[in-house]
């Protein structure tokens, strides 16, 4: 366990600049909104939709669970875009 912690600490300090944008609370909110736009609607329709809506949602969820599904390629840039729109920094 000590070796893992040491390795994790070492990796964090090497890649701190690349990881830092993902660790903000605003990114969590933005990623949640982006996830609801890209995937969340399908899970909600599976739970409470009409039979036709459930068929559409099930088809989309089946596509998402494929190993070649490009969902994160769309979701992460969308989250960054939403973060820029919602949380504009004052200069």
Protein backbone atom coordinates (compact mmCIF):
# COMPACT_ATOMS: atom_id res chain seq x y z
CA UNK A 1 0.00 0.00 0.00
CA UNK A 2 2.87 2.38 0.75
CA UNK A 3 4.35 1.76 -2.69
CA UNK A 4 1.01 2.57 -4.32
CA UNK A 5 0.65 5.79 -2.36
CA UNK A 6 4.20 6.80 -3.24
CA UNK A 7 3.56 6.02 -6.90
CA UNK A 8 0.27 7.95 -6.87
CA UNK A 9 1.94 10.94 -5.21
CA UNK A 10 4.75 10.85 -7.74
CA UNK A 11 2.37 10.59 -10.72
CA UNK A 12 0.19 13.40 -9.39
CA UNK A 13 3.10 15.80 -9.13
CA UNK A 14 4.35 14.92 -12.60
CA UNK A 15 0.95 15.41 -14.24
CA UNK A 16 -0.44 18.11 -11.93
CA UNK A 17 -0.88 20.68 -14.70
CA UNK A 18 -2.80 18.23 -16.89
CA UNK A 19 -5.02 16.98 -14.05
CA UNK A 20 -5.78 20.34 -12.42
CA UNK A 21 -8.65 21.44 -14.75
CA UNK A 22 -10.54 18.23 -13.98
CA UNK A 23 -10.41 18.67 -10.20
CA UNK A 24 -12.45 21.85 -9.94
CA UNK A 25 -15.98 21.72 -8.47
CA UNK A 26 -17.20 23.68 -11.48
CA UNK A 27 -16.00 20.86 -13.72
CA UNK A 28 -18.08 18.37 -11.72
CA UNK A 29 -21.20 20.48 -12.29
CA UNK A 30 -20.39 21.00 -15.97
CA UNK A 31 -19.65 17.32 -16.53
CA UNK A 32 -22.94 16.40 -14.86
CA UNK A 33 -24.86 18.69 -17.20
CA UNK A 34 -22.95 17.40 -20.24
CA UNK A 35 -23.58 13.81 -19.16
CA UNK A 36 -27.31 14.50 -18.84
CA UNK A 37 -27.32 15.96 -22.36
CA UNK A 38 -25.42 13.07 -23.93
CA UNK A 39 -26.42 10.01 -21.86
CA UNK A 40 -28.65 10.82 -18.90
CA UNK A 41 -31.80 11.31 -20.92
CA UNK A 42 -31.63 7.69 -22.06
CA UNK A 43 -31.42 6.32 -18.52
CA UNK A 44 -34.31 8.54 -17.41
CA UNK A 45 -36.46 7.42 -20.35
CA UNK A 46 -35.66 3.78 -19.56
CA UNK A 47 -37.05 4.32 -16.08
CA UNK A 48 -40.14 6.43 -16.74
CA UNK A 49 -40.80 6.51 -20.49
CA UNK A 50 -43.57 5.11 -22.61
CA UNK A 51 -42.91 1.83 -24.46
CA UNK A 52 -41.73 3.64 -27.60
CA UNK A 53 -39.47 5.94 -25.57
CA UNK A 54 -38.06 2.91 -23.74
CA UNK A 55 -37.19 1.22 -27.04
CA UNK A 56 -35.35 4.30 -28.26
CA UNK A 57 -33.55 4.73 -24.93
CA UNK A 58 -32.62 1.04 -24.76
CA UNK A 59 -31.15 1.21 -28.25
CA UNK A 60 -29.07 4.24 -27.30
CA UNK A 61 -27.90 2.67 -24.03
CA UNK A 62 -26.95 -0.50 -25.90
CA UNK A 63 -24.85 1.66 -28.22
CA UNK A 64 -23.23 3.36 -25.23
CA UNK A 65 -22.16 0.04 -23.74
CA UNK A 66 -20.30 -0.99 -26.90
CA UNK A 67 -16.51 -0.98 -26.48
CA UNK A 68 -16.15 1.39 -29.44
CA UNK A 69 -18.65 3.94 -28.16
CA UNK A 70 -17.29 7.50 -28.57
CA UNK A 71 -19.34 9.03 -25.74
CA UNK A 72 -16.42 10.51 -23.78
CA UNK A 73 -15.02 12.10 -26.93
CA UNK A 74 -18.19 14.18 -27.01
CA UNK A 75 -18.96 14.53 -23.28
CA UNK A 76 -15.64 15.90 -22.04
CA UNK A 77 -15.28 18.73 -24.61
CA UNK A 78 -18.96 19.56 -24.07
CA UNK A 79 -18.29 19.78 -20.32
CA UNK A 80 -15.42 22.21 -20.93
CA UNK A 81 -17.67 24.30 -23.18
CA UNK A 82 -20.45 24.38 -20.56
CA UNK A 83 -17.91 25.29 -17.89
CA UNK A 84 -16.75 28.27 -19.96
CA UNK A 85 -20.35 29.39 -20.52
CA UNK A 86 -21.55 29.04 -16.93
CA UNK A 87 -18.48 29.95 -14.92
CA UNK A 88 -16.85 32.90 -16.65
CA UNK A 89 -13.97 34.22 -14.58
CA UNK A 90 -13.79 37.92 -13.85
CA UNK A 91 -10.53 39.57 -14.89
